[in-house]
């Protein structure tokens, strides 16, 4: 079982409408958009009227108004209507909490033009109390999670309506999002939403059951990391979607069967490779490990501004995910113990608890690496207390401090002393 945290900064450009963040704002945005959409070409131009219409559509989505969501779509374009209907259903099922549109460069639409196309960014958040603007006002390249598409509009009965939508993926984006095509089977629980590709939908109920149990432990650590989660989302991928969803290079590594994808430092999404998690026990361990990533590192920024975020200390980030993923079991009870014993007894035995990243394509090396990281974090929690361990992880991985700085602030002692003590502790556990 492997868990990897992937942090990616989305890209894009354009105007910056704010995403609605409350019921009152949603209602106000809908009223404003409805009035603005009536503006004729002479006053604001078709491009402006279309953007106002789209913001009204976004407000309808948040308000659960399917008819209002479909109103801007040309009813004669049955495929496009079906496309937006599926998107409404899947976004609502995923608990979309904020949604708004922005555009690229404003298109020129002549007085005689009856159709035009526009680059449209759809910004979104799921189950969050607040969400950044699609693009921050100062132009820093973060903002809300978003997708990029080309919308085509045509004049129908005196106003422009949506006739088609095509994917237009931005450079270095996480697209396609699993929900973009709308073909997901969703199972909803108290703390978790599971969304499965149709080919593996038969395991959605099983995944939800183990994920709900995992969320109990994840929530405990979310409190310690001061990173509360409104809801966890787990996407179940078949082998084809595993290599497509989120456009992650890590999904092409043979040893990786679970991913936590942090989009723009705002939302953390879990993706599971179902062919690599054939048993219920394997699936449970992988999901709880990935939730460990979410609560320890993910979902930390709703400002749209880039923050320090260091996932290069993978011995620590994977170690804490293993600690949470196996909780309440200790590292000595982990199935990776034998691999760690072999590593420690070999000529390549680590000389401290900090070990470099290994070949992600080698499952045997990953097994020992993850297991050793688990022992290292278990030592920090056992010898110094869990709260101090959490403070150390936060200082190093979340705040970008050095091991000595983090150790001094969390444990009140130089890291060399902690390192020596834990190296001996690990050997005593094996």
Protein backbone atom coordinates (compact mmCIF):
# COMPACT_ATOMS: atom_id res chain seq x y z
CA UNK A 1 0.00 0.00 0.00
CA UNK A 2 1.46 3.30 -1.09
CA UNK A 3 0.27 6.83 -0.47
CA UNK A 4 1.69 9.83 -2.22
CA UNK A 5 0.94 13.48 -1.68
CA UNK A 6 1.06 15.44 -4.91
CA UNK A 7 0.99 19.23 -4.67
CA UNK A 8 0.25 21.02 -7.90
CA UNK A 9 -0.29 24.67 -8.68
CA UNK A 10 -2.94 25.24 -11.36
CA UNK A 11 -2.46 27.81 -14.09
CA UNK A 12 -4.70 30.22 -15.95
CA UNK A 13 -5.52 33.86 -16.48
CA UNK A 14 -8.39 36.22 -16.90
CA UNK A 15 -10.93 38.30 -15.07
CA UNK A 16 -11.57 37.63 -11.42
CA UNK A 17 -15.16 37.26 -10.20
CA UNK A 18 -15.39 36.19 -6.58
CA UNK A 19 -16.90 32.82 -5.75
CA UNK A 20 -20.06 33.05 -3.65
CA UNK A 21 -19.39 31.90 -0.10
CA UNK A 22 -22.74 32.06 1.67
CA UNK A 23 -26.42 31.50 1.03
CA UNK A 24 -27.02 35.26 1.08
CA UNK A 25 -24.26 35.87 -1.42
CA UNK A 26 -25.57 33.08 -3.65
CA UNK A 27 -29.03 34.61 -3.63
CA UNK A 28 -27.66 38.08 -4.32
CA UNK A 29 -25.42 36.78 -7.09
CA UNK A 30 -28.35 35.03 -8.74
CA UNK A 31 -30.51 38.15 -8.62
CA UNK A 32 -27.71 40.32 -9.94
CA UNK A 33 -26.88 37.89 -12.71
CA UNK A 34 -30.50 37.54 -13.72
CA UNK A 35 -30.81 41.30 -14.09
CA UNK A 36 -27.49 41.64 -15.86
CA UNK A 37 -28.27 38.93 -18.38
CA UNK A 38 -31.03 41.13 -19.72
CA UNK A 39 -28.51 43.77 -20.76
CA UNK A 40 -28.55 44.06 -24.55
CA UNK A 41 -25.52 44.20 -26.82
CA UNK A 42 -25.70 47.99 -27.14
CA UNK A 43 -25.26 48.49 -23.40
CA UNK A 44 -22.73 45.85 -22.34
CA UNK A 45 -22.18 43.67 -25.34
CA UNK A 46 -22.93 39.98 -25.80
CA UNK A 47 -19.70 38.89 -24.08
CA UNK A 48 -20.61 40.75 -20.88
CA UNK A 49 -24.20 39.54 -20.98
CA UNK A 50 -22.99 35.96 -21.39
CA UNK A 51 -20.69 36.20 -18.37
CA UNK A 52 -23.54 37.57 -16.28
CA UNK A 53 -25.71 34.70 -17.50
CA UNK A 54 -23.02 32.19 -16.51
CA UNK A 55 -22.71 33.62 -13.02
CA UNK A 56 -26.46 33.21 -12.69
CA UNK A 57 -26.01 29.60 -13.75
CA UNK A 58 -23.31 29.16 -11.08
CA UNK A 59 -25.63 30.58 -8.43
CA UNK A 60 -28.33 28.14 -9.54
CA UNK A 61 -25.94 25.23 -9.02
CA UNK A 62 -25.16 26.28 -5.46
CA UNK A 63 -28.84 26.85 -4.81
CA UNK A 64 -29.79 23.38 -6.10
CA UNK A 65 -31.87 24.87 -8.94
CA UNK A 66 -31.43 22.46 -11.85
CA UNK A 67 -33.83 24.36 -14.11
CA UNK A 68 -31.87 27.57 -13.50
CA UNK A 69 -28.63 25.72 -14.19
CA UNK A 70 -29.91 24.47 -17.53
CA UNK A 71 -31.57 27.76 -18.54
CA UNK A 72 -28.46 29.16 -20.34
CA UNK A 73 -28.17 26.03 -22.52
CA UNK A 74 -29.74 25.90 -25.97
CA UNK A 75 -32.50 23.28 -25.54
CA UNK A 76 -32.07 22.24 -29.18
CA UNK A 77 -28.55 20.98 -28.40
CA UNK A 78 -29.53 17.76 -26.68
CA UNK A 79 -25.96 16.52 -26.13
CA UNK A 80 -25.00 19.81 -24.45
CA UNK A 81 -28.11 19.72 -22.30
CA UNK A 82 -27.21 16.18 -21.21
CA UNK A 83 -23.64 17.32 -20.49
CA UNK A 84 -24.78 20.09 -18.16
CA UNK A 85 -27.42 17.91 -16.54
CA UNK A 86 -24.77 15.33 -15.63
CA UNK A 87 -22.46 18.02 -14.34
CA UNK A 88 -25.20 19.43 -12.11
CA UNK A 89 -25.93 16.03 -10.61
CA UNK A 90 -22.30 15.04 -10.01
CA UNK A 91 -21.25 18.38 -8.52
CA UNK A 92 -24.25 18.39 -6.20
CA UNK A 93 -23.49 14.79 -5.21
CA UNK A 94 -19.91 15.82 -4.38
CA UNK A 95 -21.21 18.60 -2.10
CA UNK A 96 -20.04 21.54 -4.17
CA UNK A 97 -19.95 24.52 -1.81
CA UNK A 98 -18.72 27.31 -4.10
CA UNK A 99 -18.74 27.64 -7.88
CA UNK A 100 -18.04 30.57 -10.17
CA UNK A 101 -16.88 31.36 -13.68
CA UNK A 102 -14.06 33.50 -15.06
CA UNK A 103 -12.88 34.01 -18.63
CA UNK A 104 -9.61 34.37 -20.47
CA UNK A 105 -9.26 37.33 -22.81
CA UNK A 106 -12.62 38.92 -23.52
CA UNK A 107 -13.69 37.95 -27.06
CA UNK A 108 -14.69 40.55 -29.61
CA UNK A 109 -18.25 40.05 -30.77
CA UNK A 110 -19.40 42.18 -33.68
CA UNK A 111 -22.87 43.66 -33.93
CA UNK A 112 -23.75 41.26 -36.73
CA UNK A 113 -22.26 38.14 -35.09
CA UNK A 114 -24.72 35.44 -34.16
CA UNK A 115 -22.22 33.09 -32.56
CA UNK A 116 -18.86 33.19 -30.77
CA UNK A 117 -16.61 31.12 -28.50
CA UNK A 118 -15.04 32.03 -25.17
CA UNK A 119 -12.39 30.54 -22.87
CA UNK A 120 -14.15 29.81 -19.58
CA UNK A 121 -12.63 28.82 -16.23
CA UNK A 122 -14.91 27.03 -13.77
CA UNK A 123 -13.71 27.60 -10.20
CA UNK A 124 -15.02 25.32 -7.47
CA UNK A 125 -14.66 24.14 -3.90
CA UNK A 126 -16.22 21.17 -2.15
CA UNK A 127 -17.46 21.25 1.44
CA UNK A 128 -15.48 24.34 2.43
CA UNK A 129 -16.72 27.31 4.45
CA UNK A 130 -14.81 29.65 2.11
CA UNK A 131 -13.11 29.42 -1.26
CA UNK A 132 -10.54 31.68 -2.96
CA UNK A 133 -11.35 33.71 -6.05
CA UNK A 134 -10.80 31.76 -9.23
CA UNK A 135 -7.64 33.82 -9.74
CA UNK A 136 -6.27 36.11 -7.03
CA UNK A 137 -6.36 39.81 -7.73
CA UNK A 138 -2.59 40.18 -7.52
CA UNK A 139 -2.13 37.56 -10.22
CA UNK A 140 -0.36 34.95 -8.07
CA UNK A 141 -1.00 31.72 -9.88
CA UNK A 142 -3.06 29.82 -7.34
CA UNK A 143 -6.66 30.71 -6.56
CA UNK A 144 -9.52 28.25 -6.43
CA UNK A 145 -9.32 24.81 -8.01
CA UNK A 146 -10.56 25.20 -11.58
CA UNK A 147 -10.95 23.65 -14.98
CA UNK A 148 -10.59 25.32 -18.36
CA UNK A 149 -13.03 24.81 -21.23
CA UNK A 150 -14.15 26.46 -24.46
CA UNK A 151 -17.81 27.45 -24.47
CA UNK A 152 -19.58 28.17 -27.74
CA UNK A 153 -22.58 30.51 -27.78
CA UNK A 154 -25.21 31.13 -30.41
CA UNK A 155 -28.00 33.65 -30.63
CA UNK A 156 -31.34 31.98 -30.03
CA UNK A 157 -34.56 34.02 -29.93
CA UNK A 158 -32.65 37.24 -29.31
CA UNK A 159 -30.13 36.09 -26.69
CA UNK A 160 -26.97 34.03 -26.66
CA UNK A 161 -27.14 30.51 -25.24
CA UNK A 162 -24.54 27.77 -24.73
CA UNK A 163 -24.43 25.37 -27.68
CA UNK A 164 -21.32 23.30 -26.92
CA UNK A 165 -18.46 22.84 -24.46
CA UNK A 166 -15.02 21.42 -25.20
CA UNK A 167 -12.15 20.65 -22.84
CA UNK A 168 -9.28 23.10 -23.19
CA UNK A 169 -6.82 21.96 -20.53
CA UNK A 170 -4.52 24.62 -19.13
CA UNK A 171 -0.78 24.01 -18.97
CA UNK A 172 0.26 22.01 -15.88
CA UNK A 173 -3.35 21.65 -14.74
CA UNK A 174 -4.80 18.69 -12.85
CA UNK A 175 -7.39 18.08 -15.55
CA UNK A 176 -9.32 16.05 -16.16
CA UNK A 177 -11.00 16.07 -12.80
CA UNK A 178 -12.79 12.77 -12.17
CA UNK A 179 -16.17 14.54 -12.31
CA UNK A 180 -15.65 16.46 -15.57
CA UNK A 181 -17.36 13.87 -17.74
CA UNK A 182 -20.01 13.30 -15.10
CA UNK A 183 -19.75 9.51 -15.31
CA UNK A 184 -19.38 8.65 -11.64
CA UNK A 185 -21.34 6.43 -9.28
CA UNK A 186 -21.56 8.21 -5.93
CA UNK A 187 -22.03 6.70 -2.48
CA UNK A 188 -22.51 9.16 0.37
CA UNK A 189 -21.86 8.68 4.07
CA UNK A 190 -21.77 10.84 7.17
CA UNK A 191 -18.13 11.94 6.70
CA UNK A 192 -17.11 10.59 3.31
CA UNK A 193 -18.28 10.75 -0.28
CA UNK A 194 -17.07 7.93 -2.51
CA UNK A 195 -17.24 8.49 -6.27
CA UNK A 196 -16.45 5.50 -8.47
CA UNK A 197 -15.72 5.00 -12.13
CA UNK A 198 -18.52 2.83 -13.57
CA UNK A 199 -16.15 -0.14 -14.08
CA UNK A 200 -15.44 -0.37 -10.34
CA UNK A 201 -18.73 0.94 -9.00
CA UNK A 202 -19.51 -2.49 -7.55
CA UNK A 203 -17.03 -1.76 -4.76
CA UNK A 204 -18.34 1.69 -3.89
CA UNK A 205 -20.37 0.46 -0.92
CA UNK A 206 -17.40 -1.49 0.43
CA UNK A 207 -15.13 1.53 0.02
CA UNK A 208 -17.62 3.79 1.79
CA UNK A 209 -17.87 1.42 4.75
CA UNK A 210 -14.10 1.28 5.31
CA UNK A 211 -13.70 5.00 4.58
CA UNK A 212 -16.27 5.96 7.20
CA UNK A 213 -14.30 3.96 9.78
CA UNK A 214 -11.04 5.51 8.63
CA UNK A 215 -12.54 8.98 8.93
CA UNK A 216 -13.01 8.51 12.67
CA UNK A 217 -9.24 8.23 13.13
CA UNK A 218 -8.48 10.86 10.50
CA UNK A 219 -10.77 13.34 12.26
CA UNK A 220 -8.89 12.78 15.49
CA UNK A 221 -5.62 13.85 13.86
CA UNK A 222 -7.26 16.64 11.91
CA UNK A 223 -8.01 18.16 15.29
CA UNK A 224 -4.40 17.80 16.41
CA UNK A 225 -3.12 19.37 13.20
CA UNK A 226 -5.76 22.10 13.48
CA UNK A 227 -6.87 21.17 10.00
CA UNK A 228 -10.54 20.16 10.36
CA UNK A 229 -12.14 18.47 7.38
CA UNK A 230 -15.74 19.14 6.47
CA UNK A 231 -15.86 15.99 4.34
CA UNK A 232 -13.48 13.55 2.65
CA UNK A 233 -13.79 12.65 -1.04
CA UNK A 234 -12.50 9.30 -2.30
CA UNK A 235 -12.41 8.57 -6.03
CA UNK A 236 -12.25 4.92 -7.07
CA UNK A 237 -10.41 4.49 -10.36
CA UNK A 238 -10.16 1.59 -12.77
CA UNK A 239 -6.79 1.20 -14.48
CA UNK A 240 -7.72 3.49 -17.37
CA UNK A 241 -9.02 6.35 -15.21
CA UNK A 242 -6.16 5.92 -12.74
CA UNK A 243 -3.76 7.10 -15.45
CA UNK A 244 -6.05 9.95 -16.60
CA UNK A 245 -7.65 11.54 -13.57
CA UNK A 246 -5.75 14.48 -12.09
CA UNK A 247 -3.04 14.13 -14.77
CA UNK A 248 -0.56 12.83 -12.21
CA UNK A 249 2.83 11.43 -13.16
CA UNK A 250 2.82 9.42 -9.92
CA UNK A 251 -0.10 7.33 -11.18
CA UNK A 252 2.29 5.87 -13.76
CA UNK A 253 4.58 4.39 -11.12
CA UNK A 254 4.06 0.66 -10.59
CA UNK A 255 4.27 0.79 -6.81
CA UNK A 256 1.67 3.51 -6.30
CA UNK A 257 -1.90 2.41 -5.55
CA UNK A 258 -3.23 5.50 -3.77
CA UNK A 259 -2.80 9.24 -4.26
CA UNK A 260 -3.71 12.36 -2.38
CA UNK A 261 -3.83 15.25 -4.82
CA UNK A 262 -3.74 18.72 -3.27
CA UNK A 263 -5.07 21.18 -5.85
CA UNK A 264 -3.82 24.75 -5.47
CA UNK A 265 -3.21 24.12 -1.75
CA UNK A 266 -7.00 24.37 -1.37
CA UNK A 267 -8.68 20.98 -1.84
CA UNK A 268 -7.23 17.55 -1.15
CA UNK A 269 -8.68 14.74 -3.24
CA UNK A 270 -8.05 11.03 -2.67
CA UNK A 271 -7.76 8.65 -5.63
CA UNK A 272 -7.54 4.88 -5.20
CA UNK A 273 -6.33 2.37 -7.80
CA UNK A 274 -8.81 -0.42 -7.25
CA UNK A 275 -6.81 -3.13 -9.02
CA UNK A 276 -4.03 -2.52 -6.48
CA UNK A 277 -6.41 -2.84 -3.51
CA UNK A 278 -8.07 -6.16 -4.11
CA UNK A 279 -8.98 -7.07 -0.54
CA UNK A 280 -11.07 -5.14 1.94
CA UNK A 281 -8.11 -4.92 4.33
CA UNK A 282 -5.84 -3.47 1.64
CA UNK A 283 -8.49 -0.95 0.66
CA UNK A 284 -9.03 0.09 4.29
CA UNK A 285 -5.31 0.62 4.91
CA UNK A 286 -4.83 2.61 1.71
CA UNK A 287 -7.79 4.90 2.32
CA UNK A 288 -6.80 5.58 5.94
CA UNK A 289 -3.21 6.29 4.82
CA UNK A 290 -4.43 8.79 2.23
CA UNK A 291 -6.67 10.45 4.79
CA UNK A 292 -3.53 10.76 6.88
CA UNK A 293 -2.05 12.89 4.10
CA UNK A 294 -5.19 14.99 3.90
CA UNK A 295 -5.32 15.87 7.58
CA UNK A 296 -1.57 16.33 8.07
CA UNK A 297 -0.78 18.34 4.96
CA UNK A 298 -3.77 19.03 2.75
CA UNK A 299 -6.60 21.57 2.57
CA UNK A 300 -4.69 24.38 4.22
CA UNK A 301 -5.15 27.54 2.18
CA UNK A 302 -8.29 29.41 1.18
CA UNK A 303 -6.55 32.73 0.49
CA UNK A 304 -5.37 32.10 -3.07
CA UNK A 305 -1.83 33.05 -2.01
CA UNK A 306 1.10 30.67 -2.23
CA UNK A 307 2.30 29.46 1.18
CA UNK A 308 5.35 27.49 2.24
CA UNK A 309 4.55 23.83 1.70
CA UNK A 310 7.39 21.30 1.67
CA UNK A 311 6.67 17.67 0.80
CA UNK A 312 10.26 16.82 -0.05
CA UNK A 313 10.87 15.31 3.41
CA UNK A 314 9.03 12.20 2.31
CA UNK A 315 10.36 10.04 5.14
CA UNK A 316 8.32 12.31 7.40
CA UNK A 317 5.24 12.98 5.27
CA UNK A 318 4.85 9.30 4.39
CA UNK A 319 5.79 8.27 7.92
CA UNK A 320 3.05 10.36 9.49
CA UNK A 321 0.55 9.12 6.89
CA UNK A 322 1.50 5.55 7.85
CA UNK A 323 1.18 6.43 11.54
CA UNK A 324 -2.33 7.77 10.99
CA UNK A 325 -3.15 5.10 8.42
CA UNK A 326 -2.44 2.23 10.82
CA UNK A 327 -3.68 3.95 13.96
CA UNK A 328 -4.31 2.73 16.63
CA UNK A 329 -1.79 0.00 15.72
CA UNK A 330 1.87 0.77 16.30
CA UNK A 331 4.65 0.36 13.76
CA UNK A 332 5.74 -2.93 15.33
CA UNK A 333 2.29 -4.32 14.39
CA UNK A 334 2.56 -3.18 10.78
CA UNK A 335 2.83 -5.77 8.00
CA UNK A 336 5.88 -3.80 6.85
CA UNK A 337 7.87 -4.80 9.96
CA UNK A 338 9.66 -7.68 8.20
CA UNK A 339 10.77 -5.39 5.37
CA UNK A 340 12.08 -2.85 7.88
CA UNK A 341 13.95 -5.57 9.80
CA UNK A 342 15.59 -6.68 6.57
CA UNK A 343 16.53 -3.08 5.71
CA UNK A 344 18.02 -2.37 9.14
CA UNK A 345 20.03 -5.59 9.02
CA UNK A 346 21.42 -4.95 5.56
CA UNK A 347 24.55 -3.17 4.35
CA UNK A 348 22.25 -0.27 3.36
CA UNK A 349 20.94 0.18 6.91
CA UNK A 350 19.93 3.81 7.60
CA UNK A 351 22.22 5.77 9.91
CA UNK A 352 19.40 7.94 11.14
CA UNK A 353 15.66 8.41 10.83
CA UNK A 354 15.98 10.75 7.84
CA UNK A 355 16.30 8.59 4.75
CA UNK A 356 16.21 9.74 1.11
CA UNK A 357 13.32 9.01 -1.21
CA UNK A 358 13.44 5.69 -3.00
CA UNK A 359 12.58 4.39 -6.44
CA UNK A 360 8.80 4.80 -6.68
CA UNK A 361 8.70 2.05 -9.28
CA UNK A 362 10.05 -0.59 -6.88
CA UNK A 363 7.31 -1.90 -4.54
CA UNK A 364 9.83 -3.74 -2.31
CA UNK A 365 11.87 -0.61 -1.66
CA UNK A 366 8.71 1.40 -1.07
CA UNK A 367 7.50 -1.18 1.44
CA UNK A 368 10.66 -0.84 3.52
CA UNK A 369 10.80 2.93 3.09
CA UNK A 370 7.22 3.48 4.25
CA UNK A 371 7.65 1.04 7.10
CA UNK A 372 10.82 2.76 8.29
CA UNK A 373 9.11 6.16 8.14
CA UNK A 374 6.28 4.70 10.23
CA UNK A 375 8.76 3.52 12.87
CA UNK A 376 10.45 6.92 12.88
CA UNK A 377 7.21 8.83 13.48
CA UNK A 378 6.02 6.22 15.99
CA UNK A 379 9.24 6.82 17.90
CA UNK A 380 8.68 10.59 17.94
CA UNK A 381 5.16 10.08 19.29
CA UNK A 382 6.15 7.42 21.81
CA UNK A 383 9.23 9.10 23.25
CA UNK A 384 8.11 12.72 23.16
CA UNK A 385 4.33 12.59 23.02
CA UNK A 386 1.91 12.70 20.13
CA UNK A 387 1.25 16.43 20.35
CA UNK A 388 4.96 17.19 20.12
CA UNK A 389 5.28 14.82 17.16
CA UNK A 390 2.47 16.71 15.43
CA UNK A 391 4.21 20.00 16.18
CA UNK A 392 7.44 18.65 14.67
CA UNK A 393 5.70 17.45 11.50
CA UNK A 394 3.89 20.77 11.15
CA UNK A 395 7.08 22.77 11.60
CA UNK A 396 9.04 20.77 9.02
CA UNK A 397 6.44 19.87 6.42
CA UNK A 398 3.92 22.67 6.73
CA UNK A 399 6.16 25.59 7.72
CA UNK A 400 9.34 24.63 5.89
CA UNK A 401 11.62 24.66 8.96
CA UNK A 402 14.85 22.66 9.10
CA UNK A 403 15.05 19.50 11.20
CA UNK A 404 17.05 21.37 13.89
CA UNK A 405 14.58 24.28 13.96
CA UNK A 406 11.60 21.94 14.12
CA UNK A 407 13.21 19.78 16.79
CA UNK A 408 14.11 22.77 18.95
CA UNK A 409 10.59 24.19 18.78
CA UNK A 410 8.75 20.88 19.22
CA UNK A 411 11.05 18.84 21.50
CA UNK A 412 13.32 21.45 23.01
CA UNK A 413 16.42 19.49 21.98
CA UNK A 414 18.74 19.33 18.93
CA UNK A 415 17.64 17.01 16.18
CA UNK A 416 20.88 15.00 16.43
CA UNK A 417 19.81 13.82 19.90
CA UNK A 418 16.32 12.93 18.68
CA UNK A 419 17.79 11.14 15.69
CA UNK A 420 20.16 9.04 17.82
CA UNK A 421 17.46 8.16 20.33
CA UNK A 422 14.99 7.06 17.65
CA UNK A 423 17.56 5.05 15.72
CA UNK A 424 18.16 2.99 18.84
CA UNK A 425 14.43 2.77 19.57
CA UNK A 426 13.67 1.44 16.08
CA UNK A 427 16.30 -1.29 16.41
CA UNK A 428 14.87 -2.29 19.79
CA UNK A 429 11.39 -2.71 18.23
CA UNK A 430 12.57 -5.12 15.56
